[in-house]
PDB file of N, CA and C in Angstrom:
ATOM      1  N   MET A   1     -21.309-149.241-186.253  1.00  0.00           N
ATOM      2  CA  MET A   1     -22.365-149.239-187.236  1.00  0.00           C
ATOM      3  C   MET A   1     -23.191-147.959-187.072  1.00  0.00           C
ATOM      4  N   ARG A   2     -23.510-147.329-188.167  1.00  0.00           N
ATOM      5  CA  ARG A   2     -24.193-146.046-188.161  1.00  0.00           C
ATOM      6  C   ARG A   2     -25.707-146.176-187.988  1.00  0.00           C
ATOM      7  N   VAL A   3     -26.328-147.182-188.586  1.00  0.00           N
ATOM      8  CA  VAL A   3     -27.782-147.349-188.555  1.00  0.00           C
ATOM      9  C   VAL A   3     -28.177-148.195-187.350  1.00  0.00           C
ATOM     10  N   ARG A   4     -29.102-147.667-186.556  1.00  0.00           N
ATOM     11  CA  ARG A   4     -29.650-148.393-185.399  1.00  0.00           C
ATOM     12  C   ARG A   4     -31.109-148.710-185.685  1.00  0.00           C
ATOM     13  N   LEU A   5     -31.514-149.947-185.406  1.00  0.00           N
ATOM     14  CA  LEU A   5     -32.885-150.370-185.666  1.00  0.00           C
ATOM     15  C   LEU A   5     -33.658-150.541-184.374  1.00  0.00           C
ATOM     16  N   LEU A   6     -34.875-150.047-184.387  1.00  0.00           N
ATOM     17  CA  LEU A   6     -35.831-150.284-183.307  1.00  0.00           C
ATOM     18  C   LEU A   6     -36.866-151.228-183.896  1.00  0.00           C
ATOM     19  N   THR A   7     -36.993-152.423-183.311  1.00  0.00           N
ATOM     20  CA  THR A   7     -37.828-153.451-183.932  1.00  0.00           C
ATOM     21  C   THR A   7     -39.004-153.847-183.053  1.00  0.00           C
ATOM     22  N   ASN A   8     -40.002-154.379-183.718  1.00  0.00           N
ATOM     23  CA  ASN A   8     -41.182-154.928-183.074  1.00  0.00           C
ATOM     24  C   ASN A   8     -40.860-156.365-182.663  1.00  0.00           C
ATOM     25  N   ASN A   9     -41.350-156.792-181.525  1.00  0.00           N
ATOM     26  CA  ASN A   9     -41.081-158.152-181.048  1.00  0.00           C
ATOM     27  C   ASN A   9     -41.748-159.228-181.908  1.00  0.00           C
ATOM     28  N   MET A  10     -42.633-158.826-182.810  1.00  0.00           N
ATOM     29  CA  MET A  10     -43.325-159.793-183.667  1.00  0.00           C
ATOM     30  C   MET A  10     -42.437-160.305-184.804  1.00  0.00           C
ATOM     31  N   LEU A  11     -41.304-159.669-185.041  1.00  0.00           N
ATOM     32  CA  LEU A  11     -40.410-160.113-186.119  1.00  0.00           C
ATOM     33  C   LEU A  11     -39.651-161.365-185.694  1.00  0.00           C
ATOM     34  N   ASN A  12     -39.608-162.352-186.580  1.00  0.00           N
ATOM     35  CA  ASN A  12     -38.778-163.529-186.303  1.00  0.00           C
ATOM     36  C   ASN A  12     -37.365-163.260-186.815  1.00  0.00           C
ATOM     37  N   GLY A  13     -36.464-164.165-186.577  1.00  0.00           N
ATOM     38  CA  GLY A  13     -35.065-163.969-186.943  1.00  0.00           C
ATOM     39  C   GLY A  13     -34.851-163.745-188.426  1.00  0.00           C
ATOM     40  N   TYR A  14     -35.589-164.481-189.254  1.00  0.00           N
ATOM     41  CA  TYR A  14     -35.465-164.360-190.700  1.00  0.00           C
ATOM     42  C   TYR A  14     -35.909-162.975-191.167  1.00  0.00           C
ATOM     43  N   SER A  15     -37.042-162.516-190.654  1.00  0.00           N
ATOM     44  CA  SER A  15     -37.564-161.201-191.024  1.00  0.00           C
ATOM     45  C   SER A  15     -36.654-160.090-190.520  1.00  0.00           C
ATOM     46  N   LEU A  16     -36.114-160.269-189.335  1.00  0.00           N
ATOM     47  CA  LEU A  16     -35.198-159.278-188.782  1.00  0.00           C
ATOM     48  C   LEU A  16     -33.940-159.163-189.646  1.00  0.00           C
ATOM     49  N   LYS A  17     -33.394-160.287-190.081  1.00  0.00           N
ATOM     50  CA  LYS A  17     -32.215-160.283-190.950  1.00  0.00           C
ATOM     51  C   LYS A  17     -32.528-159.579-192.270  1.00  0.00           C
ATOM     52  N   MET A  18     -33.720-159.812-192.798  1.00  0.00           N
ATOM     53  CA  MET A  18     -34.132-159.162-194.036  1.00  0.00           C
ATOM     54  C   MET A  18     -34.191-157.641-193.843  1.00  0.00           C
ATOM     55  N   CYS A  19     -34.739-157.201-192.724  1.00  0.00           N
ATOM     56  CA  CYS A  19     -34.828-155.768-192.431  1.00  0.00           C
ATOM     57  C   CYS A  19     -33.437-155.162-192.228  1.00  0.00           C
ATOM     58  N   GLN A  20     -32.557-155.900-191.572  1.00  0.00           N
ATOM     59  CA  GLN A  20     -31.187-155.419-191.388  1.00  0.00           C
ATOM     60  C   GLN A  20     -30.487-155.258-192.732  1.00  0.00           C
ATOM     61  N   ASP A  21     -30.677-156.223-193.611  1.00  0.00           N
ATOM     62  CA  ASP A  21     -30.063-156.133-194.939  1.00  0.00           C
ATOM     63  C   ASP A  21     -30.656-154.982-195.748  1.00  0.00           C
ATOM     64  N   TYR A  22     -31.934-154.727-195.566  1.00  0.00           N
ATOM     65  CA  TYR A  22     -32.566-153.597-196.243  1.00  0.00           C
ATOM     66  C   TYR A  22     -31.944-152.276-195.786  1.00  0.00           C
ATOM     67  N   TRP A  23     -31.739-152.125-194.491  1.00  0.00           N
ATOM     68  CA  TRP A  23     -31.234-150.859-193.948  1.00  0.00           C
ATOM     69  C   TRP A  23     -29.717-150.715-194.025  1.00  0.00           C
ATOM     70  N   GLN A  24     -29.015-151.765-194.416  1.00  0.00           N
ATOM     71  CA  GLN A  24     -27.565-151.678-194.562  1.00  0.00           C
ATOM     72  C   GLN A  24     -27.174-152.174-195.949  1.00  0.00           C
ATOM     73  N   PRO A  25     -27.565-151.414-196.966  1.00  0.00           N
ATOM     74  CA  PRO A  25     -27.276-151.868-198.338  1.00  0.00           C
ATOM     75  C   PRO A  25     -25.786-151.885-198.628  1.00  0.00           C
ATOM     76  N   PHE A  26     -25.412-152.852-199.428  1.00  0.00           N
ATOM     77  CA  PHE A  26     -24.017-152.948-199.866  1.00  0.00           C
ATOM     78  C   PHE A  26     -23.879-152.156-201.160  1.00  0.00           C
ATOM     79  N   ASN A  27     -22.691-151.749-201.478  1.00  0.00           N
ATOM     80  CA  ASN A  27     -22.431-151.095-202.756  1.00  0.00           C
ATOM     81  C   ASN A  27     -22.222-152.183-203.800  1.00  0.00           C
ATOM     82  N   TYR A  28     -23.181-152.314-204.680  1.00  0.00           N
ATOM     83  CA  TYR A  28     -23.090-153.323-205.726  1.00  0.00           C
ATOM     84  C   TYR A  28     -22.269-152.745-206.880  1.00  0.00           C
ATOM     85  N   PRO A  29     -21.204-153.416-207.283  1.00  0.00           N
ATOM     86  CA  PRO A  29     -20.268-152.834-208.243  1.00  0.00           C
ATOM     87  C   PRO A  29     -20.868-152.527-209.617  1.00  0.00           C
ATOM     88  N   ASN A  30     -21.858-153.284-210.055  1.00  0.00           N
ATOM     89  CA  ASN A  30     -22.412-153.085-211.393  1.00  0.00           C
ATOM     90  C   ASN A  30     -23.636-152.170-211.407  1.00  0.00           C
ATOM     91  N   GLN A  31     -24.009-151.630-210.291  1.00  0.00           N
ATOM     92  CA  GLN A  31     -25.218-150.815-210.198  1.00  0.00           C
ATOM     93  C   GLN A  31     -24.859-149.347-210.031  1.00  0.00           C
ATOM     94  N   HIS A  32     -25.016-148.557-211.083  1.00  0.00           N
ATOM     95  CA  HIS A  32     -24.753-147.114-211.022  1.00  0.00           C
ATOM     96  C   HIS A  32     -25.895-146.397-211.702  1.00  0.00           C
ATOM     97  N   PRO A  33     -26.577-145.461-211.146  1.00  0.00           N
ATOM     98  CA  PRO A  33     -26.510-145.111-209.731  1.00  0.00           C
ATOM     99  C   PRO A  33     -27.296-146.104-208.883  1.00  0.00           C
ATOM    100  N   PHE A  34     -26.965-146.164-207.640  1.00  0.00           N
ATOM    101  CA  PHE A  34     -27.607-147.074-206.703  1.00  0.00           C
ATOM    102  C   PHE A  34     -28.998-146.542-206.363  1.00  0.00           C
ATOM    103  N   SER A  35     -30.040-147.293-206.682  1.00  0.00           N
ATOM    104  CA  SER A  35     -31.398-146.791-206.480  1.00  0.00           C
ATOM    105  C   SER A  35     -32.155-147.631-205.458  1.00  0.00           C
ATOM    106  N   LEU A  36     -33.119-146.995-204.825  1.00  0.00           N
ATOM    107  CA  LEU A  36     -33.953-147.687-203.843  1.00  0.00           C
ATOM    108  C   LEU A  36     -34.768-148.787-204.515  1.00  0.00           C
ATOM    109  N   GLU A  37     -35.302-148.503-205.684  1.00  0.00           N
ATOM    110  CA  GLU A  37     -36.100-149.501-206.406  1.00  0.00           C
ATOM    111  C   GLU A  37     -35.282-150.759-206.695  1.00  0.00           C
ATOM    112  N   TRP A  38     -34.056-150.573-207.166  1.00  0.00           N
ATOM    113  CA  TRP A  38     -33.202-151.711-207.451  1.00  0.00           C
ATOM    114  C   TRP A  38     -32.882-152.481-206.167  1.00  0.00           C
ATOM    115  N   HIS A  39     -32.626-151.751-205.097  1.00  0.00           N
ATOM    116  CA  HIS A  39     -32.292-152.375-203.811  1.00  0.00           C
ATOM    117  C   HIS A  39     -33.463-153.221-203.300  1.00  0.00           C
ATOM    118  N   ILE A  40     -34.685-152.691-203.396  1.00  0.00           N
ATOM    119  CA  ILE A  40     -35.872-153.438-202.959  1.00  0.00           C
ATOM    120  C   ILE A  40     -36.033-154.713-203.775  1.00  0.00           C
ATOM    121  N   LYS A  41     -35.872-154.608-205.081  1.00  0.00           N
ATOM    122  CA  LYS A  41     -35.979-155.802-205.936  1.00  0.00           C
ATOM    123  C   LYS A  41     -34.928-156.844-205.551  1.00  0.00           C
ATOM    124  N   HIS A  42     -33.718-156.382-205.266  1.00  0.00           N
ATOM    125  CA  HIS A  42     -32.635-157.299-204.882  1.00  0.00           C
ATOM    126  C   HIS A  42     -32.955-158.008-203.554  1.00  0.00           C
ATOM    127  N   ILE A  43     -33.432-157.264-202.567  1.00  0.00           N
ATOM    128  CA  ILE A  43     -33.791-157.861-201.268  1.00  0.00           C
ATOM    129  C   ILE A  43     -34.928-158.868-201.447  1.00  0.00           C
ATOM    130  N   CYS A  44     -35.950-158.503-202.211  1.00  0.00           N
ATOM    131  CA  CYS A  44     -37.087-159.412-202.437  1.00  0.00           C
ATOM    132  C   CYS A  44     -36.635-160.690-203.135  1.00  0.00           C
ATOM    133  N   ARG A  45     -35.774-160.560-204.112  1.00  0.00           N
ATOM    134  CA  ARG A  45     -35.274-161.727-204.832  1.00  0.00           C
ATOM    135  C   ARG A  45     -34.426-162.597-203.903  1.00  0.00           C
ATOM    136  N   HIS A  46     -33.561-161.971-203.127  1.00  0.00           N
ATOM    137  CA  HIS A  46     -32.665-162.708-202.223  1.00  0.00           C
ATOM    138  C   HIS A  46     -33.451-163.475-201.153  1.00  0.00           C
ATOM    139  N   TYR A  47     -34.496-162.862-200.604  1.00  0.00           N
ATOM    140  CA  TYR A  47     -35.272-163.494-199.530  1.00  0.00           C
ATOM    141  C   TYR A  47     -36.537-164.187-200.037  1.00  0.00           C
ATOM    142  N   ASP A  48     -36.758-164.169-201.341  1.00  0.00           N
ATOM    143  CA  ASP A  48     -37.906-164.816-201.976  1.00  0.00           C
ATOM    144  C   ASP A  48     -39.224-164.344-201.357  1.00  0.00           C
ATOM    145  N   VAL A  49     -39.404-163.020-201.322  1.00  0.00           N
ATOM    146  CA  VAL A  49     -40.628-162.410-200.815  1.00  0.00           C
ATOM    147  C   VAL A  49     -41.124-161.377-201.828  1.00  0.00           C
ATOM    148  N   THR A  50     -42.378-161.025-201.728  1.00  0.00           N
ATOM    149  CA  THR A  50     -42.923-159.972-202.580  1.00  0.00           C
ATOM    150  C   THR A  50     -42.584-158.614-201.954  1.00  0.00           C
ATOM    151  N   SER A  51     -42.728-157.574-202.738  1.00  0.00           N
ATOM    152  CA  SER A  51     -42.471-156.237-202.202  1.00  0.00           C
ATOM    153  C   SER A  51     -43.474-155.895-201.105  1.00  0.00           C
ATOM    154  N   GLU A  52     -44.704-156.404-201.212  1.00  0.00           N
ATOM    155  CA  GLU A  52     -45.712-156.175-200.172  1.00  0.00           C
ATOM    156  C   GLU A  52     -45.306-156.839-198.857  1.00  0.00           C
ATOM    157  N   GLU A  53     -44.769-158.060-198.946  1.00  0.00           N
ATOM    158  CA  GLU A  53     -44.301-158.752-197.741  1.00  0.00           C
ATOM    159  C   GLU A  53     -43.121-158.012-197.108  1.00  0.00           C
ATOM    160  N   LEU A  54     -42.232-157.518-197.947  1.00  0.00           N
ATOM    161  CA  LEU A  54     -41.093-156.749-197.439  1.00  0.00           C
ATOM    162  C   LEU A  54     -41.576-155.487-196.732  1.00  0.00           C
ATOM    163  N   ILE A  55     -42.487-154.774-197.343  1.00  0.00           N
ATOM    164  CA  ILE A  55     -43.006-153.533-196.752  1.00  0.00           C
ATOM    165  C   ILE A  55     -43.729-153.808-195.440  1.00  0.00           C
ATOM    166  N   THR A  56     -44.459-154.912-195.378  1.00  0.00           N
ATOM    167  CA  THR A  56     -45.153-155.286-194.140  1.00  0.00           C
ATOM    168  C   THR A  56     -44.144-155.504-193.015  1.00  0.00           C
ATOM    169  N   ARG A  57     -43.070-156.194-193.316  1.00  0.00           N
ATOM    170  CA  ARG A  57     -42.044-156.435-192.288  1.00  0.00           C
ATOM    171  C   ARG A  57     -41.291-155.156-191.933  1.00  0.00           C
ATOM    172  N   LEU A  58     -41.036-154.322-192.936  1.00  0.00           N
ATOM    173  CA  LEU A  58     -40.334-153.062-192.681  1.00  0.00           C
ATOM    174  C   LEU A  58     -41.170-152.105-191.842  1.00  0.00           C
ATOM    175  N   SER A  59     -42.488-152.269-191.886  1.00  0.00           N
ATOM    176  CA  SER A  59     -43.351-151.406-191.073  1.00  0.00           C
ATOM    177  C   SER A  59     -43.192-151.709-189.581  1.00  0.00           C
ATOM    178  N   MET A  60     -42.564-152.819-189.256  1.00  0.00           N
ATOM    179  CA  MET A  60     -42.323-153.187-187.864  1.00  0.00           C
ATOM    180  C   MET A  60     -40.951-152.737-187.382  1.00  0.00           C
ATOM    181  N   VAL A  61     -40.261-151.921-188.196  1.00  0.00           N
ATOM    182  CA  VAL A  61     -38.904-151.479-187.882  1.00  0.00           C
ATOM    183  C   VAL A  61     -38.797-149.977-188.120  1.00  0.00           C
ATOM    184  N   LYS A  62     -38.102-149.313-187.213  1.00  0.00           N
ATOM    185  CA  LYS A  62     -37.723-147.915-187.426  1.00  0.00           C
ATOM    186  C   LYS A  62     -36.211-147.868-187.420  1.00  0.00           C
ATOM    187  N   ALA A  63     -35.660-147.090-188.351  1.00  0.00           N
ATOM    188  CA  ALA A  63     -34.207-146.978-188.466  1.00  0.00           C
ATOM    189  C   ALA A  63     -33.773-145.568-188.100  1.00  0.00           C
ATOM    190  N   TYR A  64     -32.679-145.486-187.357  1.00  0.00           N
ATOM    191  CA  TYR A  64     -32.157-144.195-186.901  1.00  0.00           C
ATOM    192  C   TYR A  64     -30.675-144.102-187.226  1.00  0.00           C
ATOM    193  N   ASP A  65     -30.221-142.884-187.482  1.00  0.00           N
ATOM    194  CA  ASP A  65     -28.811-142.610-187.719  1.00  0.00           C
ATOM    195  C   ASP A  65     -28.178-142.242-186.380  1.00  0.00           C
ATOM    196  N   SER A  66     -27.283-143.074-185.900  1.00  0.00           N
ATOM    197  CA  SER A  66     -26.687-142.841-184.583  1.00  0.00           C
ATOM    198  C   SER A  66     -25.696-141.684-184.581  1.00  0.00           C
ATOM    199  N   TYR A  67     -25.299-141.196-185.751  1.00  0.00           N
ATOM    200  CA  TYR A  67     -24.358-140.076-185.830  1.00  0.00           C
ATOM    201  C   TYR A  67     -25.049-138.722-185.752  1.00  0.00           C
ATOM    202  N   ILE A  68     -26.359-138.688-186.026  1.00  0.00           N
ATOM    203  CA  ILE A  68     -27.090-137.418-186.053  1.00  0.00           C
ATOM    204  C   ILE A  68     -28.092-137.427-184.908  1.00  0.00           C
ATOM    205  N   ARG A  69     -27.915-136.491-183.968  1.00  0.00           N
ATOM    206  CA  ARG A  69     -28.776-136.419-182.792  1.00  0.00           C
ATOM    207  C   ARG A  69     -29.303-135.006-182.604  1.00  0.00           C
ATOM    208  N   CYS A  70     -30.493-134.922-182.016  1.00  0.00           N
ATOM    209  CA  CYS A  70     -31.102-133.627-181.710  1.00  0.00           C
ATOM    210  C   CYS A  70     -30.223-132.900-180.700  1.00  0.00           C
ATOM    211  N   ASP A  71     -29.967-131.623-180.967  1.00  0.00           N
ATOM    212  CA  ASP A  71     -29.146-130.823-180.060  1.00  0.00           C
ATOM    213  C   ASP A  71     -29.807-130.640-178.702  1.00  0.00           C
ATOM    214  N   THR A  72     -31.135-130.697-178.658  1.00  0.00           N
ATOM    215  CA  THR A  72     -31.861-130.427-177.424  1.00  0.00           C
ATOM    216  C   THR A  72     -32.066-131.674-176.569  1.00  0.00           C
ATOM    217  N   CYS A  73     -32.608-132.737-177.177  1.00  0.00           N
ATOM    218  CA  CYS A  73     -32.970-133.920-176.377  1.00  0.00           C
ATOM    219  C   CYS A  73     -32.091-135.143-176.640  1.00  0.00           C
ATOM    220  N   GLY A  74     -31.312-135.139-177.701  1.00  0.00           N
ATOM    221  CA  GLY A  74     -30.426-136.259-177.998  1.00  0.00           C
ATOM    222  C   GLY A  74     -31.051-137.366-178.829  1.00  0.00           C
ATOM    223  N   LYS A  75     -32.298-137.184-179.272  1.00  0.00           N
ATOM    224  CA  LYS A  75     -32.968-138.203-180.084  1.00  0.00           C
ATOM    225  C   LYS A  75     -32.224-138.370-181.407  1.00  0.00           C
ATOM    226  N   MET A  76     -32.113-139.627-181.859  1.00  0.00           N
ATOM    227  CA  MET A  76     -31.443-139.892-183.122  1.00  0.00           C
ATOM    228  C   MET A  76     -32.354-139.540-184.300  1.00  0.00           C
ATOM    229  N   TYR A  77     -31.753-139.202-185.424  1.00  0.00           N
ATOM    230  CA  TYR A  77     -32.452-138.831-186.646  1.00  0.00           C
ATOM    231  C   TYR A  77     -33.060-140.074-187.287  1.00  0.00           C
ATOM    232  N   GLU A  78     -34.371-140.040-187.562  1.00  0.00           N
ATOM    233  CA  GLU A  78     -35.044-141.191-188.169  1.00  0.00           C
ATOM    234  C   GLU A  78     -34.805-141.203-189.680  1.00  0.00           C
ATOM    235  N   LEU A  79     -34.428-142.364-190.185  1.00  0.00           N
ATOM    236  CA  LEU A  79     -34.119-142.528-191.604  1.00  0.00           C
ATOM    237  C   LEU A  79     -35.334-143.012-192.377  1.00  0.00           C
ATOM    238  N   ASN A  80     -35.373-142.686-193.676  1.00  0.00           N
ATOM    239  CA  ASN A  80     -36.475-143.174-194.496  1.00  0.00           C
ATOM    240  C   ASN A  80     -36.023-143.790-195.809  1.00  0.00           C
ATOM    241  N   ASN A  81     -34.732-143.725-196.124  1.00  0.00           N
ATOM    242  CA  ASN A  81     -34.234-144.318-197.357  1.00  0.00           C
ATOM    243  C   ASN A  81     -32.829-144.871-197.108  1.00  0.00           C
ATOM    244  N   PRO A  82     -32.655-146.187-197.205  1.00  0.00           N
ATOM    245  CA  PRO A  82     -31.338-146.766-196.914  1.00  0.00           C
ATOM    246  C   PRO A  82     -30.286-146.438-197.967  1.00  0.00           C
ATOM    247  N   CYS A  83     -30.711-146.002-199.136  1.00  0.00           N
ATOM    248  CA  CYS A  83     -29.769-145.724-200.211  1.00  0.00           C
ATOM    249  C   CYS A  83     -29.261-144.285-200.203  1.00  0.00           C
ATOM    250  N   LYS A  84     -29.865-143.445-199.385  1.00  0.00           N
ATOM    251  CA  LYS A  84     -29.452-142.042-199.312  1.00  0.00           C
ATOM    252  C   LYS A  84     -29.312-141.628-197.858  1.00  0.00           C
ATOM    253  N   LEU A  85     -28.278-142.121-197.218  1.00  0.00           N
ATOM    254  CA  LEU A  85     -28.024-141.737-195.838  1.00  0.00           C
ATOM    255  C   LEU A  85     -27.568-140.284-195.820  1.00  0.00           C
ATOM    256  N   PRO A  86     -28.103-139.490-194.905  1.00  0.00           N
ATOM    257  CA  PRO A  86     -27.724-138.071-194.869  1.00  0.00           C
ATOM    258  C   PRO A  86     -26.276-137.891-194.458  1.00  0.00           C
ATOM    259  N   LYS A  87     -25.702-136.794-194.907  1.00  0.00           N
ATOM    260  CA  LYS A  87     -24.333-136.464-194.514  1.00  0.00           C
ATOM    261  C   LYS A  87     -24.376-135.838-193.131  1.00  0.00           C
ATOM    262  N   GLN A  88     -23.513-136.300-192.273  1.00  0.00           N
ATOM    263  CA  GLN A  88     -23.476-135.818-190.894  1.00  0.00           C
ATOM    264  C   GLN A  88     -23.231-134.312-190.848  1.00  0.00           C
ATOM    265  N   ASP A  89     -22.435-133.801-191.750  1.00  0.00           N
ATOM    266  CA  ASP A  89     -22.105-132.369-191.765  1.00  0.00           C
ATOM    267  C   ASP A  89     -23.330-131.492-192.029  1.00  0.00           C
ATOM    268  N   ASP A  90     -24.340-132.046-192.706  1.00  0.00           N
ATOM    269  CA  ASP A  90     -25.562-131.286-193.000  1.00  0.00           C
ATOM    270  C   ASP A  90     -26.449-131.123-191.770  1.00  0.00           C
ATOM    271  N   PHE A  91     -26.134-131.835-190.697  1.00  0.00           N
ATOM    272  CA  PHE A  91     -26.971-131.832-189.503  1.00  0.00           C
ATOM    273  C   PHE A  91     -26.180-131.449-188.255  1.00  0.00           C
ATOM    274  N   MET A  92     -25.286-130.510-188.381  1.00  0.00           N
ATOM    275  CA  MET A  92     -24.453-130.121-187.242  1.00  0.00           C
ATOM    276  C   MET A  92     -25.277-129.541-186.097  1.00  0.00           C
ATOM    277  N   SER A  93     -26.386-128.901-186.401  1.00  0.00           N
ATOM    278  CA  SER A  93     -27.224-128.340-185.335  1.00  0.00           C
ATOM    279  C   SER A  93     -28.682-128.711-185.598  1.00  0.00           C
ATOM    280  N   TRP A  94     -28.946-130.006-185.723  1.00  0.00           N
ATOM    281  CA  TRP A  94     -30.287-130.499-186.021  1.00  0.00           C
ATOM    282  C   TRP A  94     -31.130-130.535-184.753  1.00  0.00           C
ATOM    283  N   GLN A  95     -32.419-130.218-184.915  1.00  0.00           N
ATOM    284  CA  GLN A  95     -33.366-130.284-183.803  1.00  0.00           C
ATOM    285  C   GLN A  95     -34.582-131.075-184.263  1.00  0.00           C
ATOM    286  N   CYS A  96     -35.020-132.043-183.456  1.00  0.00           N
ATOM    287  CA  CYS A  96     -36.153-132.886-183.827  1.00  0.00           C
ATOM    288  C   CYS A  96     -37.454-132.081-183.810  1.00  0.00           C
ATOM    289  N   ASP A  97     -38.471-132.613-184.481  1.00  0.00           N
ATOM    290  CA  ASP A  97     -39.757-131.917-184.571  1.00  0.00           C
ATOM    291  C   ASP A  97     -40.403-131.717-183.204  1.00  0.00           C
ATOM    292  N   ASP A  98     -40.282-132.709-182.313  1.00  0.00           N
ATOM    293  CA  ASP A  98     -40.869-132.580-180.978  1.00  0.00           C
ATOM    294  C   ASP A  98     -40.285-131.387-180.229  1.00  0.00           C
ATOM    295  N   CYS A  99     -38.980-131.216-180.294  1.00  0.00           N
ATOM    296  CA  CYS A  99     -38.333-130.094-179.597  1.00  0.00           C
ATOM    297  C   CYS A  99     -38.685-128.765-180.247  1.00  0.00           C
ATOM    298  N   LYS A 100     -38.777-128.748-181.587  1.00  0.00           N
ATOM    299  CA  LYS A 100     -39.172-127.516-182.279  1.00  0.00           C
ATOM    300  C   LYS A 100     -40.562-127.073-181.832  1.00  0.00           C
ATOM    301  N   ILE A 101     -41.488-128.009-181.810  1.00  0.00           N
ATOM    302  CA  ILE A 101     -42.869-127.708-181.407  1.00  0.00           C
ATOM    303  C   ILE A 101     -42.910-127.246-179.958  1.00  0.00           C
ATOM    304  N   PHE A 102     -42.180-127.941-179.098  1.00  0.00           N
ATOM    305  CA  PHE A 102     -42.148-127.591-177.681  1.00  0.00           C
ATOM    306  C   PHE A 102     -41.615-126.177-177.479  1.00  0.00           C
ATOM    307  N   LYS A 103     -40.551-125.839-178.192  1.00  0.00           N
ATOM    308  CA  LYS A 103     -39.959-124.507-178.058  1.00  0.00           C
ATOM    309  C   LYS A 103     -40.850-123.419-178.646  1.00  0.00           C
ATOM    310  N   GLN A 104     -41.611-123.755-179.669  1.00  0.00           N
ATOM    311  CA  GLN A 104     -42.493-122.772-180.301  1.00  0.00           C
ATOM    312  C   GLN A 104     -43.704-122.446-179.434  1.00  0.00           C
ATOM    313  N   LYS A 105     -43.968-123.234-178.433  1.00  0.00           N
ATOM    314  CA  LYS A 105     -45.107-122.981-177.545  1.00  0.00           C
ATOM    315  C   LYS A 105     -44.832-121.839-176.575  1.00  0.00           C
ATOM    316  N   GLY A 106     -43.664-121.243-176.651  1.00  0.00           N
ATOM    317  CA  GLY A 106     -43.358-120.114-175.787  1.00  0.00           C
ATOM    318  C   GLY A 106     -42.741-120.519-174.465  1.00  0.00           C
ATOM    319  N   VAL A 107     -42.177-121.700-174.418  1.00  0.00           N
ATOM    320  CA  VAL A 107     -41.530-122.160-173.196  1.00  0.00           C
ATOM    321  C   VAL A 107     -40.251-121.348-173.001  1.00  0.00           C
ATOM    322  N   ILE A 108     -40.022-120.899-171.795  1.00  0.00           N
ATOM    323  CA  ILE A 108     -38.850-120.082-171.516  1.00  0.00           C
ATOM    324  C   ILE A 108     -37.761-120.904-170.848  1.00  0.00           C
ATOM    325  N   ASN A 109     -36.575-120.411-170.929  1.00  0.00           N
ATOM    326  CA  ASN A 109     -35.447-121.025-170.256  1.00  0.00           C
ATOM    327  C   ASN A 109     -35.490-120.565-168.799  1.00  0.00           C
ATOM    328  N   LEU A 110     -35.690-121.467-167.863  1.00  0.00           N
ATOM    329  CA  LEU A 110     -35.861-121.126-166.453  1.00  0.00           C
ATOM    330  C   LEU A 110     -34.655-120.383-165.898  1.00  0.00           C
ATOM    331  N   HIS A 111     -33.455-120.809-166.263  1.00  0.00           N
ATOM    332  CA  HIS A 111     -32.254-120.151-165.757  1.00  0.00           C
ATOM    333  C   HIS A 111     -32.211-118.682-166.209  1.00  0.00           C
ATOM    334  N   SER A 112     -32.466-118.447-167.500  1.00  0.00           N
ATOM    335  CA  SER A 112     -32.466-117.066-168.009  1.00  0.00           C
ATOM    336  C   SER A 112     -33.543-116.235-167.328  1.00  0.00           C
ATOM    337  N   PHE A 113     -34.681-116.843-167.069  1.00  0.00           N
ATOM    338  CA  PHE A 113     -35.782-116.139-166.413  1.00  0.00           C
ATOM    339  C   PHE A 113     -35.389-115.743-164.979  1.00  0.00           C
ATOM    340  N   LEU A 114     -34.816-116.673-164.235  1.00  0.00           N
ATOM    341  CA  LEU A 114     -34.479-116.407-162.840  1.00  0.00           C
ATOM    342  C   LEU A 114     -33.319-115.416-162.686  1.00  0.00           C
ATOM    343  N   VAL A 115     -32.404-115.378-163.637  1.00  0.00           N
ATOM    344  CA  VAL A 115     -31.281-114.447-163.575  1.00  0.00           C
ATOM    345  C   VAL A 115     -31.774-113.005-163.704  1.00  0.00           C
ATOM    346  N   ASN A 116     -32.796-112.790-164.515  1.00  0.00           N
ATOM    347  CA  ASN A 116     -33.288-111.432-164.784  1.00  0.00           C
ATOM    348  C   ASN A 116     -34.388-110.971-163.830  1.00  0.00           C
ATOM    349  N   ILE A 117     -34.787-111.771-162.894  1.00  0.00           N
ATOM    350  CA  ILE A 117     -35.891-111.421-162.002  1.00  0.00           C
ATOM    351  C   ILE A 117     -35.356-110.703-160.749  1.00  0.00           C
ATOM    352  N   GLU A 118     -36.058-109.726-160.321  1.00  0.00           N
ATOM    353  CA  GLU A 118     -35.717-109.004-159.087  1.00  0.00           C
ATOM    354  C   GLU A 118     -36.209-109.798-157.880  1.00  0.00           C
ATOM    355  N   ASP A 119     -35.590-109.576-156.705  1.00  0.00           N
ATOM    356  CA  ASP A 119     -35.972-110.325-155.500  1.00  0.00           C
ATOM    357  C   ASP A 119     -37.451-110.166-155.164  1.00  0.00           C
ATOM    358  N   ASP A 120     -37.990-108.972-155.278  1.00  0.00           N
ATOM    359  CA  ASP A 120     -39.388-108.771-154.891  1.00  0.00           C
ATOM    360  C   ASP A 120     -40.370-109.169-155.993  1.00  0.00           C
ATOM    361  N   ASP A 121     -39.868-109.551-157.199  1.00  0.00           N
ATOM    362  CA  ASP A 121     -40.740-110.000-158.282  1.00  0.00           C
ATOM    363  C   ASP A 121     -41.080-111.488-158.177  1.00  0.00           C
ATOM    364  N   CYS A 122     -40.313-112.212-157.420  1.00  0.00           N
ATOM    365  CA  CYS A 122     -40.499-113.656-157.322  1.00  0.00           C
ATOM    366  C   CYS A 122     -41.652-113.970-156.384  1.00  0.00           C
ATOM    367  N   PRO A 123     -42.673-114.700-156.849  1.00  0.00           N
ATOM    368  CA  PRO A 123     -43.841-114.980-156.013  1.00  0.00           C
ATOM    369  C   PRO A 123     -43.608-116.017-154.920  1.00  0.00           C
ATOM    370  N   PHE A 124     -42.478-116.651-154.881  1.00  0.00           N
ATOM    371  CA  PHE A 124     -42.241-117.677-153.854  1.00  0.00           C
ATOM    372  C   PHE A 124     -40.970-117.451-153.107  1.00  0.00           C
TER     373      PHE A 124
END
């Protein structure tokens, strides 16, 4: 399975199943093009909940694509729309925002630094 869910312990089994169904939409044969709005209406109708109730439960879940990982730290790519899963090929060298920010702070690669340092330049 491509989508991995991180859930809050406050979700009961019924709510968890609803969230799983939201994040793993089926291809409905009569629905072209497949839209998020239509999918939300279908989930709400199937589980007999309002869109507000669905959104409240979905706020207790984060979805990640297990096929797309940060090249630096290995964190999975966080998803925001179950109807438009990103293509893995578009993220061959993806880097998460945390790693981008960390690298932009001027952090150096220790190995590269130590290779270029002279013996008498090292303070320790």
